[in-house]
PDB file of N, CA and C in Angstrom:
ATOM      1  N   UNK A   1      -8.708   5.410   6.180  1.00  0.00           N
ATOM      2  CA  UNK A   1      -8.284   4.038   5.986  1.00  0.00           C
ATOM      3  C   UNK A   1      -9.443   3.114   6.291  1.00  0.00           C
ATOM      4  N   UNK A   2      -9.550   2.062   5.529  1.00  0.00           N
ATOM      5  CA  UNK A   2     -10.610   1.080   5.714  1.00  0.00           C
ATOM      6  C   UNK A   2     -10.004  -0.135   6.405  1.00  0.00           C
ATOM      7  N   UNK A   3     -10.474  -0.456   7.578  1.00  0.00           N
ATOM      8  CA  UNK A   3     -10.001  -1.653   8.258  1.00  0.00           C
ATOM      9  C   UNK A   3     -10.762  -2.854   7.722  1.00  0.00           C
ATOM     10  N   UNK A   4     -10.083  -3.959   7.583  1.00  0.00           N
ATOM     11  CA  UNK A   4     -10.683  -5.187   7.049  1.00  0.00           C
ATOM     12  C   UNK A   4     -11.452  -4.872   5.775  1.00  0.00           C
ATOM     13  N   UNK A   5     -10.677  -4.542   4.788  1.00  0.00           N
ATOM     14  CA  UNK A   5     -11.172  -3.986   3.529  1.00  0.00           C
ATOM     15  C   UNK A   5     -12.313  -4.772   2.910  1.00  0.00           C
ATOM     16  N   UNK A   6     -13.272  -4.032   2.430  1.00  0.00           N
ATOM     17  CA  UNK A   6     -14.392  -4.602   1.690  1.00  0.00           C
ATOM     18  C   UNK A   6     -14.246  -4.271   0.206  1.00  0.00           C
ATOM     19  N   UNK A   7     -13.145  -3.597  -0.159  1.00  0.00           N
ATOM     20  CA  UNK A   7     -12.925  -3.125  -1.515  1.00  0.00           C
ATOM     21  C   UNK A   7     -13.149  -4.161  -2.589  1.00  0.00           C
ATOM     22  N   UNK A   8     -12.092  -4.724  -3.136  1.00  0.00           N
ATOM     23  CA  UNK A   8     -12.218  -5.735  -4.167  1.00  0.00           C
ATOM     24  C   UNK A   8     -11.356  -6.921  -3.769  1.00  0.00           C
ATOM     25  N   UNK A   9     -11.842  -7.749  -2.857  1.00  0.00           N
ATOM     26  CA  UNK A   9     -11.022  -8.844  -2.364  1.00  0.00           C
ATOM     27  C   UNK A   9     -10.683  -9.863  -3.445  1.00  0.00           C
ATOM     28  N   UNK A  10     -11.400  -9.830  -4.574  1.00  0.00           N
ATOM     29  CA  UNK A  10     -11.115 -10.758  -5.654  1.00  0.00           C
ATOM     30  C   UNK A  10      -9.726 -10.538  -6.243  1.00  0.00           C
ATOM     31  N   UNK A  11      -9.124  -9.397  -6.015  1.00  0.00           N
ATOM     32  CA  UNK A  11      -7.773  -9.124  -6.508  1.00  0.00           C
ATOM     33  C   UNK A  11      -6.709  -9.738  -5.603  1.00  0.00           C
ATOM     34  N   UNK A  12      -7.076 -10.087  -4.383  1.00  0.00           N
ATOM     35  CA  UNK A  12      -6.133 -10.738  -3.478  1.00  0.00           C
ATOM     36  C   UNK A  12      -6.014 -12.217  -3.842  1.00  0.00           C
ATOM     37  N   UNK A  13      -4.805 -12.764  -3.758  1.00  0.00           N
ATOM     38  CA  UNK A  13      -4.651 -14.202  -3.978  1.00  0.00           C
ATOM     39  C   UNK A  13      -5.441 -14.991  -2.942  1.00  0.00           C
ATOM     40  N   UNK A  14      -5.847 -16.187  -3.302  1.00  0.00           N
ATOM     41  CA  UNK A  14      -6.579 -17.043  -2.368  1.00  0.00           C
ATOM     42  C   UNK A  14      -5.800 -17.196  -1.080  1.00  0.00           C
ATOM     43  N   UNK A  15      -6.510 -17.099   0.027  1.00  0.00           N
ATOM     44  CA  UNK A  15      -5.910 -17.266   1.342  1.00  0.00           C
ATOM     45  C   UNK A  15      -5.403 -15.981   1.972  1.00  0.00           C
ATOM     46  N   UNK A  16      -5.226 -14.924   1.202  1.00  0.00           N
ATOM     47  CA  UNK A  16      -4.777 -13.642   1.761  1.00  0.00           C
ATOM     48  C   UNK A  16      -5.974 -12.915   2.356  1.00  0.00           C
ATOM     49  N   UNK A  17      -5.835 -12.467   3.581  1.00  0.00           N
ATOM     50  CA  UNK A  17      -6.891 -11.742   4.272  1.00  0.00           C
ATOM     51  C   UNK A  17      -6.450 -10.298   4.496  1.00  0.00           C
ATOM     52  N   UNK A  18      -7.238  -9.327   4.043  1.00  0.00           N
ATOM     53  CA  UNK A  18      -6.848  -7.927   4.233  1.00  0.00           C
ATOM     54  C   UNK A  18      -6.909  -7.511   5.695  1.00  0.00           C
ATOM     55  N   UNK A  19      -5.924  -6.755   6.110  1.00  0.00           N
ATOM     56  CA  UNK A  19      -5.874  -6.191   7.457  1.00  0.00           C
ATOM     57  C   UNK A  19      -6.258  -4.719   7.400  1.00  0.00           C
ATOM     58  N   UNK A  20      -5.702  -4.003   6.424  1.00  0.00           N
ATOM     59  CA  UNK A  20      -5.972  -2.577   6.266  1.00  0.00           C
ATOM     60  C   UNK A  20      -5.871  -2.218   4.793  1.00  0.00           C
ATOM     61  N   UNK A  21      -6.568  -1.143   4.419  1.00  0.00           N
ATOM     62  CA  UNK A  21      -6.582  -0.682   3.039  1.00  0.00           C
ATOM     63  C   UNK A  21      -6.668   0.836   3.019  1.00  0.00           C
ATOM     64  N   UNK A  22      -6.013   1.441   2.032  1.00  0.00           N
ATOM     65  CA  UNK A  22      -6.060   2.894   1.885  1.00  0.00           C
ATOM     66  C   UNK A  22      -5.986   3.233   0.396  1.00  0.00           C
ATOM     67  N   UNK A  23      -6.763   4.227  -0.021  1.00  0.00           N
ATOM     68  CA  UNK A  23      -6.678   4.732  -1.392  1.00  0.00           C
ATOM     69  C   UNK A  23      -5.372   5.510  -1.526  1.00  0.00           C
ATOM     70  N   UNK A  24      -4.656   5.268  -2.616  1.00  0.00           N
ATOM     71  CA  UNK A  24      -3.384   5.946  -2.836  1.00  0.00           C
ATOM     72  C   UNK A  24      -3.060   5.955  -4.319  1.00  0.00           C
ATOM     73  N   UNK A  25      -2.260   6.916  -4.712  1.00  0.00           N
ATOM     74  CA  UNK A  25      -1.748   6.974  -6.075  1.00  0.00           C
ATOM     75  C   UNK A  25      -0.281   6.618  -6.031  1.00  0.00           C
ATOM     76  N   UNK A  26       0.137   5.690  -6.911  1.00  0.00           N
ATOM     77  CA  UNK A  26       1.569   5.392  -7.000  1.00  0.00           C
ATOM     78  C   UNK A  26       2.200   6.430  -7.918  1.00  0.00           C
ATOM     79  N   UNK A  27       3.318   6.983  -7.483  1.00  0.00           N
ATOM     80  CA  UNK A  27       4.064   7.953  -8.266  1.00  0.00           C
ATOM     81  C   UNK A  27       5.334   7.273  -8.754  1.00  0.00           C
ATOM     82  N   UNK A  28       5.533   7.248 -10.067  1.00  0.00           N
ATOM     83  CA  UNK A  28       6.747   6.646 -10.604  1.00  0.00           C
ATOM     84  C   UNK A  28       7.127   7.319 -11.914  1.00  0.00           C
ATOM     85  N   UNK A  29       8.104   6.752 -12.599  1.00  0.00           N
ATOM     86  CA  UNK A  29       8.596   7.361 -13.829  1.00  0.00           C
ATOM     87  C   UNK A  29       7.533   7.435 -14.914  1.00  0.00           C
ATOM     88  N   UNK A  30       6.491   6.616 -14.820  1.00  0.00           N
ATOM     89  CA  UNK A  30       5.393   6.626 -15.790  1.00  0.00           C
ATOM     90  C   UNK A  30       4.293   7.611 -15.407  1.00  0.00           C
ATOM     91  N   UNK A  31       4.417   8.259 -14.268  1.00  0.00           N
ATOM     92  CA  UNK A  31       3.415   9.216 -13.832  1.00  0.00           C
ATOM     93  C   UNK A  31       2.666   8.755 -12.593  1.00  0.00           C
ATOM     94  N   UNK A  32       1.400   9.094 -12.542  1.00  0.00           N
ATOM     95  CA  UNK A  32       0.547   8.816 -11.387  1.00  0.00           C
ATOM     96  C   UNK A  32      -0.414   7.690 -11.755  1.00  0.00           C
ATOM     97  N   UNK A  33      -0.527   6.705 -10.859  1.00  0.00           N
ATOM     98  CA  UNK A  33      -1.419   5.573 -11.070  1.00  0.00           C
ATOM     99  C   UNK A  33      -2.367   5.470  -9.876  1.00  0.00           C
ATOM    100  N   UNK A  34      -3.647   5.682 -10.113  1.00  0.00           N
ATOM    101  CA  UNK A  34      -4.641   5.608  -9.036  1.00  0.00           C
ATOM    102  C   UNK A  34      -4.854   4.155  -8.633  1.00  0.00           C
ATOM    103  N   UNK A  35      -5.036   3.951  -7.332  1.00  0.00           N
ATOM    104  CA  UNK A  35      -5.275   2.599  -6.846  1.00  0.00           C
ATOM    105  C   UNK A  35      -5.467   2.561  -5.355  1.00  0.00           C
ATOM    106  N   UNK A  36      -5.083   1.439  -4.771  1.00  0.00           N
ATOM    107  CA  UNK A  36      -5.217   1.269  -3.331  1.00  0.00           C
ATOM    108  C   UNK A  36      -4.120   0.365  -2.815  1.00  0.00           C
ATOM    109  N   UNK A  37      -3.703   0.643  -1.602  1.00  0.00           N
ATOM    110  CA  UNK A  37      -2.734  -0.193  -0.903  1.00  0.00           C
ATOM    111  C   UNK A  37      -3.495  -1.109   0.040  1.00  0.00           C
ATOM    112  N   UNK A  38      -3.119  -2.372   0.066  1.00  0.00           N
ATOM    113  CA  UNK A  38      -3.759  -3.350   0.942  1.00  0.00           C
ATOM    114  C   UNK A  38      -2.669  -4.076   1.720  1.00  0.00           C
ATOM    115  N   UNK A  39      -2.819  -4.105   3.029  1.00  0.00           N
ATOM    116  CA  UNK A  39      -1.912  -4.826   3.905  1.00  0.00           C
ATOM    117  C   UNK A  39      -2.546  -6.159   4.257  1.00  0.00           C
ATOM    118  N   UNK A  40      -1.785  -7.246   4.088  1.00  0.00           N
ATOM    119  CA  UNK A  40      -2.225  -8.576   4.505  1.00  0.00           C
ATOM    120  C   UNK A  40      -1.183  -9.114   5.485  1.00  0.00           C
ATOM    121  N   UNK A  41      -1.427 -10.256   6.107  1.00  0.00           N
ATOM    122  CA  UNK A  41      -0.436 -10.792   7.043  1.00  0.00           C
ATOM    123  C   UNK A  41       0.922 -11.096   6.419  1.00  0.00           C
ATOM    124  N   UNK A  42       0.993 -11.283   5.087  1.00  0.00           N
ATOM    125  CA  UNK A  42       2.251 -11.658   4.453  1.00  0.00           C
ATOM    126  C   UNK A  42       2.824 -10.641   3.474  1.00  0.00           C
ATOM    127  N   UNK A  43       1.972  -9.736   2.979  1.00  0.00           N
ATOM    128  CA  UNK A  43       2.416  -8.832   1.917  1.00  0.00           C
ATOM    129  C   UNK A  43       1.724  -7.480   1.983  1.00  0.00           C
ATOM    130  N   UNK A  44       2.319  -6.534   1.276  1.00  0.00           N
ATOM    131  CA  UNK A  44       1.687  -5.249   1.006  1.00  0.00           C
ATOM    132  C   UNK A  44       1.437  -5.222  -0.498  1.00  0.00           C
ATOM    133  N   UNK A  45       0.202  -4.975  -0.883  1.00  0.00           N
ATOM    134  CA  UNK A  45      -0.168  -4.926  -2.291  1.00  0.00           C
ATOM    135  C   UNK A  45      -0.553  -3.506  -2.675  1.00  0.00           C
ATOM    136  N   UNK A  46      -0.218  -3.117  -3.905  1.00  0.00           N
ATOM    137  CA  UNK A  46      -0.799  -1.939  -4.518  1.00  0.00           C
ATOM    138  C   UNK A  46      -1.552  -2.438  -5.731  1.00  0.00           C
ATOM    139  N   UNK A  47      -2.860  -2.197  -5.758  1.00  0.00           N
ATOM    140  CA  UNK A  47      -3.694  -2.597  -6.881  1.00  0.00           C
ATOM    141  C   UNK A  47      -3.990  -1.366  -7.721  1.00  0.00           C
ATOM    142  N   UNK A  48      -3.472  -1.357  -8.931  1.00  0.00           N
ATOM    143  CA  UNK A  48      -3.653  -0.256  -9.876  1.00  0.00           C
ATOM    144  C   UNK A  48      -5.059  -0.345 -10.452  1.00  0.00           C
ATOM    145  N   UNK A  49      -5.872   0.674 -10.193  1.00  0.00           N
ATOM    146  CA  UNK A  49      -7.260   0.673 -10.656  1.00  0.00           C
ATOM    147  C   UNK A  49      -7.394   0.877 -12.162  1.00  0.00           C
ATOM    148  N   UNK A  50      -6.345   1.359 -12.812  1.00  0.00           N
ATOM    149  CA  UNK A  50      -6.398   1.597 -14.246  1.00  0.00           C
ATOM    150  C   UNK A  50      -6.094   0.339 -15.055  1.00  0.00           C
ATOM    151  N   UNK A  51      -5.343  -0.583 -14.488  1.00  0.00           N
ATOM    152  CA  UNK A  51      -4.941  -1.808 -15.180  1.00  0.00           C
ATOM    153  C   UNK A  51      -5.396  -2.999 -14.339  1.00  0.00           C
ATOM    154  N   UNK A  52      -6.593  -3.441 -14.566  1.00  0.00           N
ATOM    155  CA  UNK A  52      -7.195  -4.470 -13.722  1.00  0.00           C
ATOM    156  C   UNK A  52      -6.610  -5.860 -13.945  1.00  0.00           C
ATOM    157  N   UNK A  53      -5.767  -6.023 -14.951  1.00  0.00           N
ATOM    158  CA  UNK A  53      -5.174  -7.335 -15.205  1.00  0.00           C
ATOM    159  C   UNK A  53      -3.990  -7.631 -14.294  1.00  0.00           C
ATOM    160  N   UNK A  54      -3.606  -6.682 -13.461  1.00  0.00           N
ATOM    161  CA  UNK A  54      -2.524  -6.903 -12.502  1.00  0.00           C
ATOM    162  C   UNK A  54      -1.145  -6.559 -13.021  1.00  0.00           C
ATOM    163  N   UNK A  55      -1.038  -6.129 -14.258  1.00  0.00           N
ATOM    164  CA  UNK A  55       0.279  -5.875 -14.842  1.00  0.00           C
ATOM    165  C   UNK A  55       1.010  -4.702 -14.200  1.00  0.00           C
ATOM    166  N   UNK A  56       0.301  -3.805 -13.531  1.00  0.00           N
ATOM    167  CA  UNK A  56       0.933  -2.655 -12.898  1.00  0.00           C
ATOM    168  C   UNK A  56       0.790  -2.680 -11.378  1.00  0.00           C
ATOM    169  N   UNK A  57       0.416  -3.817 -10.830  1.00  0.00           N
ATOM    170  CA  UNK A  57       0.296  -3.959  -9.380  1.00  0.00           C
ATOM    171  C   UNK A  57       1.682  -4.116  -8.755  1.00  0.00           C
ATOM    172  N   UNK A  58       1.795  -3.761  -7.476  1.00  0.00           N
ATOM    173  CA  UNK A  58       3.016  -3.985  -6.708  1.00  0.00           C
ATOM    174  C   UNK A  58       2.734  -5.043  -5.658  1.00  0.00           C
ATOM    175  N   UNK A  59       3.714  -5.902  -5.420  1.00  0.00           N
ATOM    176  CA  UNK A  59       3.618  -6.890  -4.352  1.00  0.00           C
ATOM    177  C   UNK A  59       4.920  -6.824  -3.566  1.00  0.00           C
ATOM    178  N   UNK A  60       4.807  -6.457  -2.292  1.00  0.00           N
ATOM    179  CA  UNK A  60       5.981  -6.362  -1.430  1.00  0.00           C
ATOM    180  C   UNK A  60       5.838  -7.396  -0.325  1.00  0.00           C
ATOM    181  N   UNK A  61       6.656  -8.418  -0.380  1.00  0.00           N
ATOM    182  CA  UNK A  61       6.652  -9.478   0.618  1.00  0.00           C
ATOM    183  C   UNK A  61       7.240  -8.941   1.920  1.00  0.00           C
ATOM    184  N   UNK A  62       6.622  -9.279   3.045  1.00  0.00           N
ATOM    185  CA  UNK A  62       7.102  -8.769   4.335  1.00  0.00           C
ATOM    186  C   UNK A  62       8.560  -9.127   4.600  1.00  0.00           C
ATOM    187  N   UNK A  63       9.029 -10.278   4.105  1.00  0.00           N
ATOM    188  CA  UNK A  63      10.413 -10.674   4.356  1.00  0.00           C
ATOM    189  C   UNK A  63      11.398  -9.783   3.616  1.00  0.00           C
ATOM    190  N   UNK A  64      10.941  -9.078   2.577  1.00  0.00           N
ATOM    191  CA  UNK A  64      11.801  -8.180   1.806  1.00  0.00           C
ATOM    192  C   UNK A  64      11.605  -6.715   2.202  1.00  0.00           C
ATOM    193  N   UNK A  65      10.619  -6.445   3.054  1.00  0.00           N
ATOM    194  CA  UNK A  65      10.285  -5.088   3.478  1.00  0.00           C
ATOM    195  C   UNK A  65      11.377  -4.539   4.380  1.00  0.00           C
ATOM    196  N   UNK A  66      11.743  -3.258   4.173  1.00  0.00           N
ATOM    197  CA  UNK A  66      12.780  -2.644   4.994  1.00  0.00           C
ATOM    198  C   UNK A  66      12.284  -1.470   5.823  1.00  0.00           C
ATOM    199  N   UNK A  67      11.268  -0.748   5.354  1.00  0.00           N
ATOM    200  CA  UNK A  67      10.786   0.372   6.140  1.00  0.00           C
ATOM    201  C   UNK A  67       9.766   1.216   5.406  1.00  0.00           C
ATOM    202  N   UNK A  68       9.109   2.086   6.187  1.00  0.00           N
ATOM    203  CA  UNK A  68       8.095   2.992   5.636  1.00  0.00           C
ATOM    204  C   UNK A  68       8.241   4.339   6.313  1.00  0.00           C
ATOM    205  N   UNK A  69       8.016   5.382   5.521  1.00  0.00           N
ATOM    206  CA  UNK A  69       8.063   6.739   6.062  1.00  0.00           C
ATOM    207  C   UNK A  69       6.952   7.552   5.426  1.00  0.00           C
ATOM    208  N   UNK A  70       6.255   8.334   6.256  1.00  0.00           N
ATOM    209  CA  UNK A  70       5.184   9.207   5.769  1.00  0.00           C
ATOM    210  C   UNK A  70       5.604  10.649   5.995  1.00  0.00           C
ATOM    211  N   UNK A  71       5.447  11.453   4.959  1.00  0.00           N
ATOM    212  CA  UNK A  71       5.665  12.893   5.059  1.00  0.00           C
ATOM    213  C   UNK A  71       4.473  13.586   4.421  1.00  0.00           C
ATOM    214  N   UNK A  72       4.288  14.841   4.729  1.00  0.00           N
ATOM    215  CA  UNK A  72       3.210  15.583   4.093  1.00  0.00           C
ATOM    216  C   UNK A  72       2.638  16.650   4.993  1.00  0.00           C
ATOM    217  N   UNK A  73       1.645  17.356   4.454  1.00  0.00           N
ATOM    218  CA  UNK A  73       0.979  18.406   5.221  1.00  0.00           C
ATOM    219  C   UNK A  73      -0.377  17.893   5.701  1.00  0.00           C
ATOM    220  N   UNK A  74      -1.287  18.802   5.993  1.00  0.00           N
ATOM    221  CA  UNK A  74      -2.591  18.403   6.538  1.00  0.00           C
ATOM    222  C   UNK A  74      -3.466  17.631   5.554  1.00  0.00           C
ATOM    223  N   UNK A  75      -3.212  17.769   4.261  1.00  0.00           N
ATOM    224  CA  UNK A  75      -4.114  17.134   3.296  1.00  0.00           C
ATOM    225  C   UNK A  75      -3.447  16.085   2.418  1.00  0.00           C
ATOM    226  N   UNK A  76      -2.256  16.374   1.901  1.00  0.00           N
ATOM    227  CA  UNK A  76      -1.615  15.444   0.972  1.00  0.00           C
ATOM    228  C   UNK A  76      -0.342  14.905   1.594  1.00  0.00           C
ATOM    229  N   UNK A  77      -0.261  13.580   1.636  1.00  0.00           N
ATOM    230  CA  UNK A  77       0.908  12.932   2.206  1.00  0.00           C
ATOM    231  C   UNK A  77       1.553  11.996   1.215  1.00  0.00           C
ATOM    232  N   UNK A  78       2.774  11.604   1.537  1.00  0.00           N
ATOM    233  CA  UNK A  78       3.534  10.674   0.715  1.00  0.00           C
ATOM    234  C   UNK A  78       4.021   9.551   1.614  1.00  0.00           C
ATOM    235  N   UNK A  79       3.786   8.317   1.178  1.00  0.00           N
ATOM    236  CA  UNK A  79       4.269   7.133   1.869  1.00  0.00           C
ATOM    237  C   UNK A  79       5.360   6.531   1.006  1.00  0.00           C
ATOM    238  N   UNK A  80       6.565   6.441   1.535  1.00  0.00           N
ATOM    239  CA  UNK A  80       7.680   5.817   0.828  1.00  0.00           C
ATOM    240  C   UNK A  80       7.944   4.459   1.473  1.00  0.00           C
ATOM    241  N   UNK A  81       7.906   3.407   0.659  1.00  0.00           N
ATOM    242  CA  UNK A  81       8.172   2.051   1.129  1.00  0.00           C
ATOM    243  C   UNK A  81       9.502   1.590   0.564  1.00  0.00           C
ATOM    244  N   UNK A  82      10.395   1.160   1.440  1.00  0.00           N
ATOM    245  CA  UNK A  82      11.670   0.617   0.999  1.00  0.00           C
ATOM    246  C   UNK A  82      11.661  -0.881   1.229  1.00  0.00           C
ATOM    247  N   UNK A  83      12.240  -1.578   0.282  1.00  0.00           N
ATOM    248  CA  UNK A  83      12.303  -3.028   0.345  1.00  0.00           C
ATOM    249  C   UNK A  83      13.464  -3.462  -0.537  1.00  0.00           C
ATOM    250  N   UNK A  84      13.735  -4.729  -0.633  1.00  0.00           N
ATOM    251  CA  UNK A  84      14.860  -5.198  -1.438  1.00  0.00           C
ATOM    252  C   UNK A  84      14.473  -5.153  -2.913  1.00  0.00           C
ATOM    253  N   UNK A  85      14.201  -3.970  -3.365  1.00  0.00           N
ATOM    254  CA  UNK A  85      13.801  -3.672  -4.735  1.00  0.00           C
ATOM    255  C   UNK A  85      13.744  -2.168  -4.861  1.00  0.00           C
ATOM    256  N   UNK A  86      13.195  -1.665  -5.957  1.00  0.00           N
ATOM    257  CA  UNK A  86      13.140  -0.203  -6.113  1.00  0.00           C
ATOM    258  C   UNK A  86      12.197   0.446  -5.100  1.00  0.00           C
ATOM    259  N   UNK A  87      12.555   1.648  -4.652  1.00  0.00           N
ATOM    260  CA  UNK A  87      11.721   2.424  -3.735  1.00  0.00           C
ATOM    261  C   UNK A  87      10.346   2.620  -4.360  1.00  0.00           C
ATOM    262  N   UNK A  88       9.298   2.475  -3.571  1.00  0.00           N
ATOM    263  CA  UNK A  88       7.926   2.699  -4.033  1.00  0.00           C
ATOM    264  C   UNK A  88       7.378   3.912  -3.296  1.00  0.00           C
ATOM    265  N   UNK A  89       6.765   4.833  -4.039  1.00  0.00           N
ATOM    266  CA  UNK A  89       6.243   6.068  -3.465  1.00  0.00           C
ATOM    267  C   UNK A  89       4.768   6.182  -3.799  1.00  0.00           C
ATOM    268  N   UNK A  90       3.961   6.445  -2.764  1.00  0.00           N
ATOM    269  CA  UNK A  90       2.511   6.549  -2.908  1.00  0.00           C
ATOM    270  C   UNK A  90       2.043   7.862  -2.294  1.00  0.00           C
ATOM    271  N   UNK A  91       1.027   8.461  -2.900  1.00  0.00           N
ATOM    272  CA  UNK A  91       0.480   9.717  -2.407  1.00  0.00           C
ATOM    273  C   UNK A  91      -0.983   9.528  -2.062  1.00  0.00           C
ATOM    274  N   UNK A  92      -1.413  10.180  -0.989  1.00  0.00           N
ATOM    275  CA  UNK A  92      -2.804  10.097  -0.569  1.00  0.00           C
ATOM    276  C   UNK A  92      -3.059  11.019   0.607  1.00  0.00           C
ATOM    277  N   UNK A  93      -4.141  10.748   1.320  1.00  0.00           N
ATOM    278  CA  UNK A  93      -4.505  11.511   2.502  1.00  0.00           C
ATOM    279  C   UNK A  93      -3.480  11.229   3.597  1.00  0.00           C
ATOM    280  N   UNK A  94      -2.888  12.274   4.146  1.00  0.00           N
ATOM    281  CA  UNK A  94      -1.819  12.123   5.134  1.00  0.00           C
ATOM    282  C   UNK A  94      -2.264  11.300   6.346  1.00  0.00           C
ATOM    283  N   UNK A  95      -3.426  11.594   6.884  1.00  0.00           N
ATOM    284  CA  UNK A  95      -3.905  10.883   8.068  1.00  0.00           C
ATOM    285  C   UNK A  95      -4.105   9.401   7.764  1.00  0.00           C
ATOM    286  N   UNK A  96      -4.692   9.103   6.608  1.00  0.00           N
ATOM    287  CA  UNK A  96      -4.928   7.705   6.238  1.00  0.00           C
ATOM    288  C   UNK A  96      -3.619   6.972   5.971  1.00  0.00           C
ATOM    289  N   UNK A  97      -2.659   7.650   5.336  1.00  0.00           N
ATOM    290  CA  UNK A  97      -1.366   7.012   5.095  1.00  0.00           C
ATOM    291  C   UNK A  97      -0.625   6.747   6.401  1.00  0.00           C
ATOM    292  N   UNK A  98      -0.733   7.670   7.357  1.00  0.00           N
ATOM    293  CA  UNK A  98      -0.099   7.435   8.673  1.00  0.00           C
ATOM    294  C   UNK A  98      -0.738   6.237   9.373  1.00  0.00           C
ATOM    295  N   UNK A  99      -2.052   6.134   9.297  1.00  0.00           N
ATOM    296  CA  UNK A  99      -2.738   4.989   9.903  1.00  0.00           C
ATOM    297  C   UNK A  99      -2.329   3.686   9.215  1.00  0.00           C
ATOM    298  N   UNK A 100      -2.159   3.728   7.899  1.00  0.00           N
ATOM    299  CA  UNK A 100      -1.721   2.540   7.165  1.00  0.00           C
ATOM    300  C   UNK A 100      -0.298   2.152   7.584  1.00  0.00           C
ATOM    301  N   UNK A 101       0.583   3.141   7.733  1.00  0.00           N
ATOM    302  CA  UNK A 101       1.950   2.864   8.194  1.00  0.00           C
ATOM    303  C   UNK A 101       1.931   2.258   9.593  1.00  0.00           C
ATOM    304  N   UNK A 102       1.070   2.770  10.473  1.00  0.00           N
ATOM    305  CA  UNK A 102       0.954   2.193  11.815  1.00  0.00           C
ATOM    306  C   UNK A 102       0.489   0.748  11.756  1.00  0.00           C
ATOM    307  N   UNK A 103      -0.429   0.440  10.829  1.00  0.00           N
ATOM    308  CA  UNK A 103      -0.870  -0.949  10.655  1.00  0.00           C
ATOM    309  C   UNK A 103       0.277  -1.826  10.192  1.00  0.00           C
ATOM    310  N   UNK A 104       1.114  -1.300   9.298  1.00  0.00           N
ATOM    311  CA  UNK A 104       2.313  -2.047   8.858  1.00  0.00           C
ATOM    312  C   UNK A 104       3.227  -2.283  10.040  1.00  0.00           C
ATOM    313  N   UNK A 105       3.487  -1.237  10.823  1.00  0.00           N
ATOM    314  CA  UNK A 105       4.367  -1.376  11.990  1.00  0.00           C
ATOM    315  C   UNK A 105       3.811  -2.391  12.983  1.00  0.00           C
ATOM    316  N   UNK A 106       2.510  -2.365  13.229  1.00  0.00           N
ATOM    317  CA  UNK A 106       1.884  -3.320  14.146  1.00  0.00           C
ATOM    318  C   UNK A 106       2.010  -4.747  13.626  1.00  0.00           C
ATOM    319  N   UNK A 107       1.861  -4.927  12.319  1.00  0.00           N
ATOM    320  CA  UNK A 107       1.915  -6.257  11.726  1.00  0.00           C
ATOM    321  C   UNK A 107       3.344  -6.812  11.745  1.00  0.00           C
ATOM    322  N   UNK A 108       4.304  -5.967  11.461  1.00  0.00           N
ATOM    323  CA  UNK A 108       5.681  -6.435  11.343  1.00  0.00           C
ATOM    324  C   UNK A 108       6.487  -6.386  12.638  1.00  0.00           C
ATOM    325  N   UNK A 109       6.006  -5.597  13.610  1.00  0.00           N
ATOM    326  CA  UNK A 109       6.678  -5.489  14.894  1.00  0.00           C
ATOM    327  C   UNK A 109       5.660  -5.606  16.024  1.00  0.00           C
ATOM    328  N   UNK A 110       5.073  -6.794  16.182  1.00  0.00           N
ATOM    329  CA  UNK A 110       3.999  -6.930  17.207  1.00  0.00           C
ATOM    330  C   UNK A 110       4.484  -6.720  18.615  1.00  0.00           C
TER     331      UNK A 110
END
C-alpha cells in the first residue's frame, strides 16, 4: 500500500487529498478491471486504469459506506466493500488490502 499516494492525483477531484492507495482489480459482471483504490477523507475511489475518462470509476461516499471485509490467502486477497449501492469486490495483494481496510477503519472510526 502506498501512503499519501503519489499515483495520479489528477484523477482526484479538486480538494480531495489521498490518505492511502492500493493497486487492485475490480471484479464484476463485465470481468476484471485493473486499477487502484484511493482513500480520501470523504470518499473511497476506484480508478479504472483501462478507461481513463472516468466512465468505469467507482465513488463510494463515506456517509453511504457500510463495511469492508478482506479474505484471501498469503498472496491473493479479496476486499468486499458494502455501501448503499451494489456490493463492490476488488482483488489484490492480501497484505496491502488488509492495510487499506485498516486505513478505512481508522478514517471512519477514529
